[in-house]
Amino acid sequence: MLTFSTDDLRPRERFDYWCEVRARNLFGVTISLPQDERQHFQGRFTALPVGGATLSKMQASPYNVSRSATDISRASSDSLCIYQQTSGASWFSTRNGSEFVVQTNDIAISHTDVPYLTRPAIAHGFDLRVLKIPLAGRNLPARSRLHLAPSPIRNDPRLSMVISTSFAILATEAAQDPGADYDAAVHHLAQLALLARGSVPAGSPDSRAALRFGFLQAARSVLARDLQRPGLSPASVAAALGISVRQLHVLFEPTGSSFSRTLIAMRLAEARRLLQLQQALTVTDIAHACGFDSLSTFYRVFRMAYGVTPGDIRATASNAL
């Protein structure tokens, strides 16, 4: 992992160093900032290889960014970029004059070798992550690549949701376990992004597989968000995703674990975490907080899953303190 921060640099050196390390060398862009604002500049940046792609996260004071024809000729990369605004908002302008703003959690998609301008839309500055995926080996005509100027996903809220959710999950998992295999996740995200831009057919095997992957990630995200609700059901999750209950169950079939088993496993994992970390909560409080409306059911499935009782987990955690 490459990690860079301006914190250890003298204020008058920060922006100039950022220009070379982050902007010119890593992303092939030109950045600018009025001289009198440079002494207040701050930035943090990480880049992590994941599944043949590069996952970057950046937080920085506001400045102007351009990816010009000169930048492209100097540092062409023929890659697909998926941008996710993690906080704040950013303004983009493309070579054809179109403009748009991406808000928190919004996704924008582009080819690296297409000119654009961007800057933060608010004083908050930059707060985003970018997945840069090489397109070598993908069956995508050169003309289609050059039509991928930066653009948000506007015409398909469900596709926007599955890409946003899948990207966020990939970023979280890669940060926790950078050595894991993310090839499939990156491949599916690239296909979803190209599908959102109309560059690949929706009915192709790759597109169908990517959609199943994306909707499964989104379903798991809904389960994690709402697991405390005792009434969480396949119907409510399917409605949140905009798919049928049958389609929801089909998503889980290849995993070897049904919707119900997946939900119980997630609830039990959260209960175990709380038993170890939240000593002030009673076992009953934790069972209810994790969506179990029956204490006897909670004890039964917990022991079946872990071979010990909730009290045993709590006692072990307490003795370790």
C-alpha atoms as a PDB file:
ATOM      1  CA  MET A   1       0.000   0.000   0.000  1.00  0.00           C
ATOM      2  CA  LEU A   2       1.183   3.494  -0.832  1.00  0.00           C
ATOM      3  CA  THR A   3       0.298   6.038   1.841  1.00  0.00           C
ATOM      4  CA  PHE A   4       1.082   9.713   1.671  1.00  0.00           C
ATOM      5  CA  SER A   5       0.212  12.680   3.885  1.00  0.00           C
ATOM      6  CA  THR A   6       1.308  16.293   3.875  1.00  0.00           C
ATOM      7  CA  ASP A   7       1.272  16.393   7.683  1.00  0.00           C
ATOM      8  CA  ASP A   8       5.041  15.940   8.004  1.00  0.00           C
ATOM      9  CA  LEU A   9       5.918  18.575   5.398  1.00  0.00           C
ATOM     10  CA  ARG A  10       6.439  22.275   5.945  1.00  0.00           C
ATOM     11  CA  PRO A  11       3.306  24.219   4.938  1.00  0.00           C
ATOM     12  CA  ARG A  12       4.998  26.054   2.062  1.00  0.00           C
ATOM     13  CA  GLU A  13       6.142  22.718   0.538  1.00  0.00           C
ATOM     14  CA  ARG A  14       2.909  20.751   0.786  1.00  0.00           C
ATOM     15  CA  PHE A  15       1.087  21.714  -2.370  1.00  0.00           C
ATOM     16  CA  ASP A  16       4.160  21.575  -4.628  1.00  0.00           C
ATOM     17  CA  TYR A  17       4.985  18.092  -3.355  1.00  0.00           C
ATOM     18  CA  TRP A  18       1.345  17.031  -3.801  1.00  0.00           C
ATOM     19  CA  CYS A  19       1.498  18.237  -7.408  1.00  0.00           C
ATOM     20  CA  GLU A  20       4.296  15.818  -8.204  1.00  0.00           C
ATOM     21  CA  VAL A  21       3.551  12.800  -5.991  1.00  0.00           C
ATOM     22  CA  ARG A  22      -0.211  12.573  -6.212  1.00  0.00           C
ATOM     23  CA  ALA A  23      -1.272  14.555  -9.267  1.00  0.00           C
ATOM     24  CA  ARG A  24       1.374  14.341 -11.984  1.00  0.00           C
ATOM     25  CA  ASN A  25       2.992  10.969 -11.274  1.00  0.00           C
ATOM     26  CA  LEU A  26       0.086   8.890  -9.952  1.00  0.00           C
ATOM     27  CA  PHE A  27      -2.940  10.268 -11.780  1.00  0.00           C
ATOM     28  CA  GLY A  28      -1.471  12.158 -14.715  1.00  0.00           C
ATOM     29  CA  VAL A  29      -3.394  15.366 -14.034  1.00  0.00           C
ATOM     30  CA  THR A  30      -2.515  19.019 -13.682  1.00  0.00           C
ATOM     31  CA  ILE A  31      -3.631  20.800 -10.525  1.00  0.00           C
ATOM     32  CA  SER A  32      -3.641  24.439  -9.518  1.00  0.00           C
ATOM     33  CA  LEU A  33      -4.241  26.577  -6.456  1.00  0.00           C
ATOM     34  CA  PRO A  34      -3.724  30.313  -5.872  1.00  0.00           C
ATOM     35  CA  GLN A  35      -0.353  31.005  -4.282  1.00  0.00           C
ATOM     36  CA  ASP A  36      -1.841  32.632  -1.188  1.00  0.00           C
ATOM     37  CA  GLU A  37      -3.904  29.488  -0.427  1.00  0.00           C
ATOM     38  CA  ARG A  38      -1.078  26.977  -0.695  1.00  0.00           C
ATOM     39  CA  GLN A  39       0.273  27.459   2.818  1.00  0.00           C
ATOM     40  CA  HIS A  40      -3.048  26.168   4.190  1.00  0.00           C
ATOM     41  CA  PHE A  41      -3.141  23.079   1.961  1.00  0.00           C
ATOM     42  CA  GLN A  42      -3.482  19.607   3.513  1.00  0.00           C
ATOM     43  CA  GLY A  43      -3.904  16.223   1.902  1.00  0.00           C
ATOM     44  CA  ARG A  44      -3.959  12.482   2.645  1.00  0.00           C
ATOM     45  CA  PHE A  45      -3.821   9.749   0.045  1.00  0.00           C
ATOM     46  CA  THR A  46      -3.652   5.940  -0.090  1.00  0.00           C
ATOM     47  CA  ALA A  47      -3.340   3.586  -3.060  1.00  0.00           C
ATOM     48  CA  LEU A  48      -3.821  -0.166  -2.766  1.00  0.00           C
ATOM     49  CA  PRO A  49      -3.565  -2.843  -5.491  1.00  0.00           C
ATOM     50  CA  VAL A  50      -6.763  -4.934  -5.621  1.00  0.00           C
ATOM     51  CA  GLY A  51      -7.549  -7.568  -8.222  1.00  0.00           C
ATOM     52  CA  GLY A  52      -5.319  -6.077 -10.905  1.00  0.00           C
ATOM     53  CA  ALA A  53      -6.765  -2.611 -10.293  1.00  0.00           C
ATOM     54  CA  THR A  54      -5.746   0.268  -8.035  1.00  0.00           C
ATOM     55  CA  LEU A  55      -8.013   1.449  -5.238  1.00  0.00           C
ATOM     56  CA  SER A  56      -7.236   4.985  -4.108  1.00  0.00           C
ATOM     57  CA  LYS A  57      -8.703   7.117  -1.359  1.00  0.00           C
ATOM     58  CA  MET A  58      -8.068  10.823  -1.073  1.00  0.00           C
ATOM     59  CA  GLN A  59      -8.923  13.632   1.301  1.00  0.00           C
ATOM     60  CA  ALA A  60      -7.536  17.058   0.481  1.00  0.00           C
ATOM     61  CA  SER A  61      -8.122  20.791   0.633  1.00  0.00           C
ATOM     62  CA  PRO A  62      -9.867  22.257  -2.441  1.00  0.00           C
ATOM     63  CA  TYR A  63      -7.936  22.846  -5.667  1.00  0.00           C
ATOM     64  CA  ASN A  64      -8.585  22.719  -9.417  1.00  0.00           C
ATOM     65  CA  VAL A  65      -7.867  19.593 -11.475  1.00  0.00           C
ATOM     66  CA  SER A  66      -7.565  19.187 -15.231  1.00  0.00           C
ATOM     67  CA  ARG A  67      -6.867  16.103 -17.328  1.00  0.00           C
ATOM     68  CA  SER A  68      -5.765  17.696 -20.576  1.00  0.00           C
ATOM     69  CA  ALA A  69      -4.682  16.289 -23.946  1.00  0.00           C
ATOM     70  CA  THR A  70      -1.103  17.038 -22.903  1.00  0.00           C
ATOM     71  CA  ASP A  71      -1.543  15.086 -19.656  1.00  0.00           C
ATOM     72  CA  ILE A  72      -3.049  12.168 -21.563  1.00  0.00           C
ATOM     73  CA  SER A  73      -0.246  12.035 -24.133  1.00  0.00           C
ATOM     74  CA  ARG A  74       2.293  12.104 -21.304  1.00  0.00           C
ATOM     75  CA  ALA A  75       0.583   9.503 -19.109  1.00  0.00           C
ATOM     76  CA  SER A  76      -1.937   7.427 -21.057  1.00  0.00           C
ATOM     77  CA  SER A  77      -3.278   4.435 -19.131  1.00  0.00           C
ATOM     78  CA  ASP A  78      -6.333   3.055 -21.004  1.00  0.00           C
ATOM     79  CA  SER A  79      -8.239   2.337 -17.805  1.00  0.00           C
ATOM     80  CA  LEU A  80     -11.770   2.554 -16.520  1.00  0.00           C
ATOM     81  CA  CYS A  81     -12.242   4.792 -13.485  1.00  0.00           C
ATOM     82  CA  ILE A  82     -15.098   4.452 -11.001  1.00  0.00           C
ATOM     83  CA  TYR A  83     -15.316   7.470  -8.696  1.00  0.00           C
ATOM     84  CA  GLN A  84     -17.287   7.408  -5.458  1.00  0.00           C
ATOM     85  CA  GLN A  85     -17.846  10.586  -3.475  1.00  0.00           C
ATOM     86  CA  THR A  86     -17.418   9.521   0.165  1.00  0.00           C
ATOM     87  CA  SER A  87     -18.297  12.932   1.609  1.00  0.00           C
ATOM     88  CA  GLY A  88     -19.006  16.420   0.330  1.00  0.00           C
ATOM     89  CA  ALA A  89     -19.521  17.046  -3.390  1.00  0.00           C
ATOM     90  CA  SER A  90     -17.442  17.497  -6.554  1.00  0.00           C
ATOM     91  CA  TRP A  91     -18.084  19.424  -9.780  1.00  0.00           C
ATOM     92  CA  PHE A  92     -17.073  17.940 -13.147  1.00  0.00           C
ATOM     93  CA  SER A  93     -16.919  19.409 -16.636  1.00  0.00           C
ATOM     94  CA  THR A  94     -16.236  17.324 -19.745  1.00  0.00           C
ATOM     95  CA  ARG A  95     -14.718  18.175 -23.121  1.00  0.00           C
ATOM     96  CA  ASN A  96     -18.171  18.488 -24.727  1.00  0.00           C
ATOM     97  CA  GLY A  97     -19.148  21.166 -22.220  1.00  0.00           C
ATOM     98  CA  SER A  98     -21.493  19.109 -20.037  1.00  0.00           C
ATOM     99  CA  GLU A  99     -21.332  19.716 -16.296  1.00  0.00           C
ATOM    100  CA  PHE A 100     -22.537  17.748 -13.282  1.00  0.00           C
ATOM    101  CA  VAL A 101     -22.045  17.473  -9.516  1.00  0.00           C
ATOM    102  CA  VAL A 102     -21.598  14.208  -7.629  1.00  0.00           C
ATOM    103  CA  GLN A 103     -22.937  14.200  -4.086  1.00  0.00           C
ATOM    104  CA  THR A 104     -22.021  11.946  -1.149  1.00  0.00           C
ATOM    105  CA  ASN A 105     -22.152   8.234  -2.153  1.00  0.00           C
ATOM    106  CA  ASP A 106     -22.765   9.119  -5.818  1.00  0.00           C
ATOM    107  CA  ILE A 107     -20.846   7.278  -8.528  1.00  0.00           C
ATOM    108  CA  ALA A 108     -19.219   8.722 -11.657  1.00  0.00           C
ATOM    109  CA  ILE A 109     -17.620   6.628 -14.403  1.00  0.00           C
ATOM    110  CA  SER A 110     -15.031   7.579 -17.011  1.00  0.00           C
ATOM    111  CA  HIS A 111     -12.146   6.447 -19.183  1.00  0.00           C
ATOM    112  CA  THR A 112      -8.787   7.755 -18.004  1.00  0.00           C
ATOM    113  CA  ASP A 113      -7.796   9.092 -21.410  1.00  0.00           C
ATOM    114  CA  VAL A 114     -10.654  11.564 -21.858  1.00  0.00           C
ATOM    115  CA  PRO A 115     -10.156  15.238 -20.897  1.00  0.00           C
ATOM    116  CA  TYR A 116     -12.109  16.714 -17.985  1.00  0.00           C
ATOM    117  CA  LEU A 117     -12.046  19.391 -15.287  1.00  0.00           C
ATOM    118  CA  THR A 118     -13.024  18.866 -11.670  1.00  0.00           C
ATOM    119  CA  ARG A 119     -12.943  20.599  -8.311  1.00  0.00           C
ATOM    120  CA  PRO A 120     -14.776  20.325  -4.977  1.00  0.00           C
ATOM    121  CA  ALA A 121     -18.206  21.904  -5.102  1.00  0.00           C
ATOM    122  CA  ILE A 122     -18.016  22.989  -1.464  1.00  0.00           C
ATOM    123  CA  ALA A 123     -15.335  24.209   0.926  1.00  0.00           C
ATOM    124  CA  HIS A 124     -15.145  20.728   2.444  1.00  0.00           C
ATOM    125  CA  GLY A 125     -12.568  19.800  -0.213  1.00  0.00           C
ATOM    126  CA  PHE A 126     -11.931  16.424  -1.835  1.00  0.00           C
ATOM    127  CA  ASP A 127     -13.162  13.277  -0.107  1.00  0.00           C
ATOM    128  CA  LEU A 128     -13.431  10.412  -2.555  1.00  0.00           C
ATOM    129  CA  ARG A 129     -12.212   7.007  -3.622  1.00  0.00           C
ATOM    130  CA  VAL A 130     -11.341   5.842  -7.102  1.00  0.00           C
ATOM    131  CA  LEU A 131     -11.072   2.354  -8.569  1.00  0.00           C
ATOM    132  CA  LYS A 132      -8.804   2.422 -11.638  1.00  0.00           C
ATOM    133  CA  ILE A 133      -9.249  -0.750 -13.701  1.00  0.00           C
ATOM    134  CA  PRO A 134      -7.005  -1.470 -16.737  1.00  0.00           C
ATOM    135  CA  LEU A 135      -9.089  -2.303 -19.811  1.00  0.00           C
ATOM    136  CA  ALA A 136      -6.446  -4.441 -21.529  1.00  0.00           C
ATOM    137  CA  GLY A 137      -8.006  -7.711 -22.650  1.00  0.00           C
ATOM    138  CA  ARG A 138     -11.594  -6.467 -22.463  1.00  0.00           C
ATOM    139  CA  ASN A 139     -13.680  -6.669 -25.614  1.00  0.00           C
ATOM    140  CA  LEU A 140     -14.360  -2.943 -25.812  1.00  0.00           C
ATOM    141  CA  PRO A 141     -13.855  -1.042 -29.097  1.00  0.00           C
ATOM    142  CA  ALA A 142     -11.467   1.905 -28.973  1.00  0.00           C
ATOM    143  CA  ARG A 143     -14.212   4.289 -30.045  1.00  0.00           C
ATOM    144  CA  SER A 144     -16.406   3.188 -27.125  1.00  0.00           C
ATOM    145  CA  ARG A 145     -13.564   3.855 -24.704  1.00  0.00           C
ATOM    146  CA  LEU A 146     -13.183   7.426 -25.876  1.00  0.00           C
ATOM    147  CA  HIS A 147     -16.911   8.023 -25.408  1.00  0.00           C
ATOM    148  CA  LEU A 148     -16.546   7.311 -21.707  1.00  0.00           C
ATOM    149  CA  ALA A 149     -16.188  10.931 -20.604  1.00  0.00           C
ATOM    150  CA  PRO A 150     -16.873  11.430 -16.870  1.00  0.00           C
ATOM    151  CA  SER A 151     -20.574  10.999 -16.169  1.00  0.00           C
ATOM    152  CA  PRO A 152     -22.755  10.018 -13.206  1.00  0.00           C
ATOM    153  CA  ILE A 153     -25.295   7.207 -13.385  1.00  0.00           C
ATOM    154  CA  ARG A 154     -28.572   9.035 -13.874  1.00  0.00           C
ATOM    155  CA  ASN A 155     -30.943   6.717 -15.707  1.00  0.00           C
ATOM    156  CA  ASP A 156     -30.906   3.590 -13.550  1.00  0.00           C
ATOM    157  CA  PRO A 157     -31.196   4.039  -9.754  1.00  0.00           C
ATOM    158  CA  ARG A 158     -30.968   0.281  -9.128  1.00  0.00           C
ATOM    159  CA  LEU A 159     -27.738  -0.032 -11.094  1.00  0.00           C
ATOM    160  CA  SER A 160     -26.349   3.016  -9.333  1.00  0.00           C
ATOM    161  CA  MET A 161     -27.231   1.398  -5.997  1.00  0.00           C
ATOM    162  CA  VAL A 162     -25.551  -1.939  -6.731  1.00  0.00           C
ATOM    163  CA  ILE A 163     -22.375  -0.277  -8.051  1.00  0.00           C
ATOM    164  CA  SER A 164     -22.181   2.111  -5.100  1.00  0.00           C
ATOM    165  CA  THR A 165     -22.775  -0.672  -2.577  1.00  0.00           C
ATOM    166  CA  SER A 166     -20.373  -3.123  -4.238  1.00  0.00           C
ATOM    167  CA  PHE A 167     -17.656  -0.473  -4.446  1.00  0.00           C
ATOM    168  CA  ALA A 168     -18.069   0.490  -0.786  1.00  0.00           C
ATOM    169  CA  ILE A 169     -17.921  -3.155   0.310  1.00  0.00           C
ATOM    170  CA  LEU A 170     -14.809  -3.795  -1.799  1.00  0.00           C
ATOM    171  CA  ALA A 171     -13.099  -0.754  -0.271  1.00  0.00           C
ATOM    172  CA  THR A 172     -13.943  -1.876   3.271  1.00  0.00           C
ATOM    173  CA  GLU A 173     -12.850  -5.485   2.732  1.00  0.00           C
ATOM    174  CA  ALA A 174      -9.624  -4.506   0.946  1.00  0.00           C
ATOM    175  CA  ALA A 175      -8.676  -2.206   3.818  1.00  0.00           C
ATOM    176  CA  GLN A 176      -9.290  -5.003   6.336  1.00  0.00           C
ATOM    177  CA  ASP A 177      -7.651  -7.798   4.315  1.00  0.00           C
ATOM    178  CA  PRO A 178      -5.453  -6.346   1.544  1.00  0.00           C
ATOM    179  CA  GLY A 179      -3.991  -9.730   0.646  1.00  0.00           C
ATOM    180  CA  ALA A 180      -7.280 -11.406  -0.295  1.00  0.00           C
ATOM    181  CA  ASP A 181      -8.305 -12.256  -3.864  1.00  0.00           C
ATOM    182  CA  TYR A 182     -10.481  -9.469  -5.292  1.00  0.00           C
ATOM    183  CA  ASP A 183     -10.181 -10.383  -8.980  1.00  0.00           C
ATOM    184  CA  ALA A 184     -13.834 -11.424  -9.323  1.00  0.00           C
ATOM    185  CA  ALA A 185     -15.157  -8.362  -7.478  1.00  0.00           C
ATOM    186  CA  VAL A 186     -13.111  -6.000  -9.659  1.00  0.00           C
ATOM    187  CA  HIS A 187     -14.164  -7.832 -12.841  1.00  0.00           C
ATOM    188  CA  HIS A 188     -17.840  -7.550 -11.883  1.00  0.00           C
ATOM    189  CA  LEU A 189     -17.522  -3.883 -10.938  1.00  0.00           C
ATOM    190  CA  ALA A 190     -15.915  -3.097 -14.283  1.00  0.00           C
ATOM    191  CA  GLN A 191     -18.729  -4.897 -16.102  1.00  0.00           C
ATOM    192  CA  LEU A 192     -21.368  -3.070 -14.055  1.00  0.00           C
ATOM    193  CA  ALA A 193     -19.744   0.282 -14.803  1.00  0.00           C
ATOM    194  CA  LEU A 194     -19.565  -0.457 -18.531  1.00  0.00           C
ATOM    195  CA  LEU A 195     -23.163  -1.674 -18.426  1.00  0.00           C
ATOM    196  CA  ALA A 196     -24.231   1.581 -16.752  1.00  0.00           C
ATOM    197  CA  ARG A 197     -22.584   3.520 -19.580  1.00  0.00           C
ATOM    198  CA  GLY A 198     -24.135   1.362 -22.293  1.00  0.00           C
ATOM    199  CA  SER A 199     -20.766   0.014 -23.467  1.00  0.00           C
ATOM    200  CA  VAL A 200     -21.632  -3.678 -23.032  1.00  0.00           C
ATOM    201  CA  PRO A 201     -24.895  -5.586 -23.676  1.00  0.00           C
ATOM    202  CA  ALA A 202     -27.145  -6.229 -20.688  1.00  0.00           C
ATOM    203  CA  GLY A 203     -27.889  -9.807 -21.756  1.00  0.00           C
ATOM    204  CA  SER A 204     -24.314 -11.056 -22.041  1.00  0.00           C
ATOM    205  CA  PRO A 205     -23.123 -13.766 -19.613  1.00  0.00           C
ATOM    206  CA  ASP A 206     -20.635 -11.328 -18.043  1.00  0.00           C
ATOM    207  CA  SER A 207     -23.335  -8.703 -17.501  1.00  0.00           C
ATOM    208  CA  ARG A 208     -25.765 -11.178 -15.965  1.00  0.00           C
ATOM    209  CA  ALA A 209     -23.071 -12.497 -13.627  1.00  0.00           C
ATOM    210  CA  ALA A 210     -22.095  -8.950 -12.642  1.00  0.00           C
ATOM    211  CA  LEU A 211     -25.716  -8.039 -11.902  1.00  0.00           C
ATOM    212  CA  ARG A 212     -26.126 -11.127  -9.696  1.00  0.00           C
ATOM    213  CA  PHE A 213     -22.936 -10.189  -7.863  1.00  0.00           C
ATOM    214  CA  GLY A 214     -24.036  -6.577  -7.409  1.00  0.00           C
ATOM    215  CA  PHE A 215     -27.525  -7.389  -6.188  1.00  0.00           C
ATOM    216  CA  LEU A 216     -26.154  -9.998  -3.781  1.00  0.00           C
ATOM    217  CA  GLN A 217     -23.777  -7.390  -2.335  1.00  0.00           C
ATOM    218  CA  ALA A 218     -26.667  -4.962  -2.033  1.00  0.00           C
ATOM    219  CA  ALA A 219     -28.839  -7.599  -0.336  1.00  0.00           C
ATOM    220  CA  ARG A 220     -26.140  -8.350   2.217  1.00  0.00           C
ATOM    221  CA  SER A 221     -25.765  -4.629   2.828  1.00  0.00           C
ATOM    222  CA  VAL A 222     -29.481  -4.322   3.597  1.00  0.00           C
ATOM    223  CA  LEU A 223     -29.254  -7.290   5.973  1.00  0.00           C
ATOM    224  CA  ALA A 224     -26.310  -5.716   7.807  1.00  0.00           C
ATOM    225  CA  ARG A 225     -28.123  -2.387   8.043  1.00  0.00           C
ATOM    226  CA  ASP A 226     -31.463  -3.783   9.250  1.00  0.00           C
ATOM    227  CA  LEU A 227     -30.544  -6.989  11.103  1.00  0.00           C
ATOM    228  CA  GLN A 228     -31.861  -5.521  14.358  1.00  0.00           C
ATOM    229  CA  ARG A 229     -35.404  -5.612  12.921  1.00  0.00           C
ATOM    230  CA  PRO A 230     -37.150  -8.839  14.039  1.00  0.00           C
ATOM    231  CA  GLY A 231     -39.517  -8.561  11.073  1.00  0.00           C
ATOM    232  CA  LEU A 232     -36.790  -8.389   8.455  1.00  0.00           C
ATOM    233  CA  SER A 233     -38.041 -10.645   5.692  1.00  0.00           C
ATOM    234  CA  PRO A 234     -37.249 -11.658   2.112  1.00  0.00           C
ATOM    235  CA  ALA A 235     -40.179  -9.524   0.958  1.00  0.00           C
ATOM    236  CA  SER A 236     -38.890  -6.367   2.644  1.00  0.00           C
ATOM    237  CA  VAL A 237     -35.336  -6.857   1.347  1.00  0.00           C
ATOM    238  CA  ALA A 238     -36.562  -7.618  -2.176  1.00  0.00           C
ATOM    239  CA  ALA A 239     -38.661  -4.451  -2.080  1.00  0.00           C
ATOM    240  CA  ALA A 240     -35.630  -2.410  -0.988  1.00  0.00           C
ATOM    241  CA  LEU A 241     -33.678  -3.755  -3.970  1.00  0.00           C
ATOM    242  CA  GLY A 242     -36.511  -3.431  -6.469  1.00  0.00           C
ATOM    243  CA  ILE A 243     -36.532  -7.143  -7.345  1.00  0.00           C
ATOM    244  CA  SER A 244     -38.926 -10.042  -6.741  1.00  0.00           C
ATOM    245  CA  VAL A 245     -38.712 -12.386  -3.756  1.00  0.00           C
ATOM    246  CA  ARG A 246     -37.913 -15.229  -6.156  1.00  0.00           C
ATOM    247  CA  GLN A 247     -35.034 -13.234  -7.650  1.00  0.00           C
ATOM    248  CA  LEU A 248     -33.752 -12.524  -4.143  1.00  0.00           C
ATOM    249  CA  HIS A 249     -33.645 -16.212  -3.223  1.00  0.00           C
ATOM    250  CA  VAL A 250     -31.891 -17.024  -6.526  1.00  0.00           C
ATOM    251  CA  LEU A 251     -29.115 -14.564  -5.580  1.00  0.00           C
ATOM    252  CA  PHE A 252     -28.235 -16.650  -2.517  1.00  0.00           C
ATOM    253  CA  GLU A 253     -28.369 -20.087  -4.186  1.00  0.00           C
ATOM    254  CA  PRO A 254     -24.749 -20.094  -5.482  1.00  0.00           C
ATOM    255  CA  THR A 255     -23.422 -19.123  -2.049  1.00  0.00           C
ATOM    256  CA  GLY A 256     -24.512 -22.395  -0.465  1.00  0.00           C
ATOM    257  CA  SER A 257     -26.377 -20.475   2.229  1.00  0.00           C
ATOM    258  CA  SER A 258     -30.010 -19.420   1.974  1.00  0.00           C
ATOM    259  CA  PHE A 259     -31.351 -15.966   2.766  1.00  0.00           C
ATOM    260  CA  SER A 260     -32.504 -17.121   6.223  1.00  0.00           C
ATOM    261  CA  ARG A 261     -29.226 -18.853   7.096  1.00  0.00           C
ATOM    262  CA  THR A 262     -27.239 -15.832   5.945  1.00  0.00           C
ATOM    263  CA  LEU A 263     -29.340 -13.493   8.088  1.00  0.00           C
ATOM    264  CA  ILE A 264     -29.021 -15.724  11.175  1.00  0.00           C
ATOM    265  CA  ALA A 265     -25.249 -15.998  10.701  1.00  0.00           C
ATOM    266  CA  MET A 266     -24.929 -12.211  10.461  1.00  0.00           C
ATOM    267  CA  ARG A 267     -27.073 -11.719  13.554  1.00  0.00           C
ATOM    268  CA  LEU A 268     -25.049 -14.257  15.511  1.00  0.00           C
ATOM    269  CA  ALA A 269     -21.740 -12.703  14.451  1.00  0.00           C
ATOM    270  CA  GLU A 270     -22.935  -9.274  15.595  1.00  0.00           C
ATOM    271  CA  ALA A 271     -24.234 -10.742  18.865  1.00  0.00           C
ATOM    272  CA  ARG A 272     -20.873 -12.393  19.523  1.00  0.00           C
ATOM    273  CA  ARG A 273     -19.096  -9.108  18.833  1.00  0.00           C
ATOM    274  CA  LEU A 274     -21.354  -7.240  21.261  1.00  0.00           C
ATOM    275  CA  LEU A 275     -20.981  -9.925  23.933  1.00  0.00           C
ATOM    276  CA  GLN A 276     -17.225  -9.459  23.789  1.00  0.00           C
ATOM    277  CA  LEU A 277     -17.144  -5.670  23.619  1.00  0.00           C
ATOM    278  CA  GLN A 278     -20.269  -4.362  25.349  1.00  0.00           C
ATOM    279  CA  GLN A 279     -20.064  -5.697  28.877  1.00  0.00           C
ATOM    280  CA  ALA A 280     -22.687  -3.233  30.118  1.00  0.00           C
ATOM    281  CA  LEU A 281     -25.401  -4.773  27.928  1.00  0.00           C
ATOM    282  CA  THR A 282     -27.302  -7.814  29.164  1.00  0.00           C
ATOM    283  CA  VAL A 283     -27.563 -10.940  27.035  1.00  0.00           C
ATOM    284  CA  THR A 284     -31.251 -10.155  26.544  1.00  0.00           C
ATOM    285  CA  ASP A 285     -30.422  -6.621  25.368  1.00  0.00           C
ATOM    286  CA  ILE A 286     -27.948  -7.994  22.862  1.00  0.00           C
ATOM    287  CA  ALA A 287     -30.330 -10.652  21.563  1.00  0.00           C
ATOM    288  CA  HIS A 288     -32.997  -8.035  20.919  1.00  0.00           C
ATOM    289  CA  ALA A 289     -30.470  -5.591  19.418  1.00  0.00           C
ATOM    290  CA  CYS A 290     -29.538  -8.264  16.889  1.00  0.00           C
ATOM    291  CA  GLY A 291     -33.104  -8.979  15.807  1.00  0.00           C
ATOM    292  CA  PHE A 292     -33.916 -12.041  17.921  1.00  0.00           C
ATOM    293  CA  ASP A 293     -37.427 -11.661  19.344  1.00  0.00           C
ATOM    294  CA  SER A 294     -37.139 -14.947  21.287  1.00  0.00           C
ATOM    295  CA  LEU A 295     -34.415 -15.383  23.890  1.00  0.00           C
ATOM    296  CA  SER A 296     -34.748 -19.171  23.831  1.00  0.00           C
ATOM    297  CA  THR A 297     -34.249 -19.185  20.054  1.00  0.00           C
ATOM    298  CA  PHE A 298     -31.188 -16.967  20.432  1.00  0.00           C
ATOM    299  CA  TYR A 299     -29.594 -19.328  22.983  1.00  0.00           C
ATOM    300  CA  ARG A 300     -30.377 -22.374  20.855  1.00  0.00           C
ATOM    301  CA  VAL A 301     -28.987 -21.106  17.563  1.00  0.00           C
ATOM    302  CA  PHE A 302     -26.001 -19.470  19.280  1.00  0.00           C
ATOM    303  CA  ARG A 303     -24.954 -22.755  20.871  1.00  0.00           C
ATOM    304  CA  MET A 304     -25.504 -24.628  17.613  1.00  0.00           C
ATOM    305  CA  ALA A 305     -23.273 -22.145  15.779  1.00  0.00           C
ATOM    306  CA  TYR A 306     -20.445 -21.734  18.298  1.00  0.00           C
ATOM    307  CA  GLY A 307     -20.659 -24.754  20.601  1.00  0.00           C
ATOM    308  CA  VAL A 308     -20.833 -22.519  23.679  1.00  0.00           C
ATOM    309  CA  THR A 309     -23.444 -20.303  25.309  1.00  0.00           C
ATOM    310  CA  PRO A 310     -23.569 -16.500  25.120  1.00  0.00           C
ATOM    311  CA  GLY A 311     -22.589 -16.465  28.779  1.00  0.00           C
ATOM    312  CA  ASP A 312     -19.450 -18.475  28.022  1.00  0.00           C
ATOM    313  CA  ILE A 313     -18.382 -15.911  25.396  1.00  0.00           C
ATOM    314  CA  ARG A 314     -19.000 -13.074  27.814  1.00  0.00           C
ATOM    315  CA  ALA A 315     -17.089 -14.763  30.637  1.00  0.00           C
ATOM    316  CA  THR A 316     -14.080 -15.409  28.376  1.00  0.00           C
ATOM    317  CA  ALA A 317     -14.073 -11.781  27.237  1.00  0.00           C
ATOM    318  CA  SER A 318     -14.421 -10.545  30.802  1.00  0.00           C
ATOM    319  CA  ASN A 319     -11.497 -12.659  32.012  1.00  0.00           C
ATOM    320  CA  ALA A 320      -9.324 -11.277  29.227  1.00  0.00           C
ATOM    321  CA  LEU A 321      -9.798  -7.698  30.408  1.00  0.00           C
END
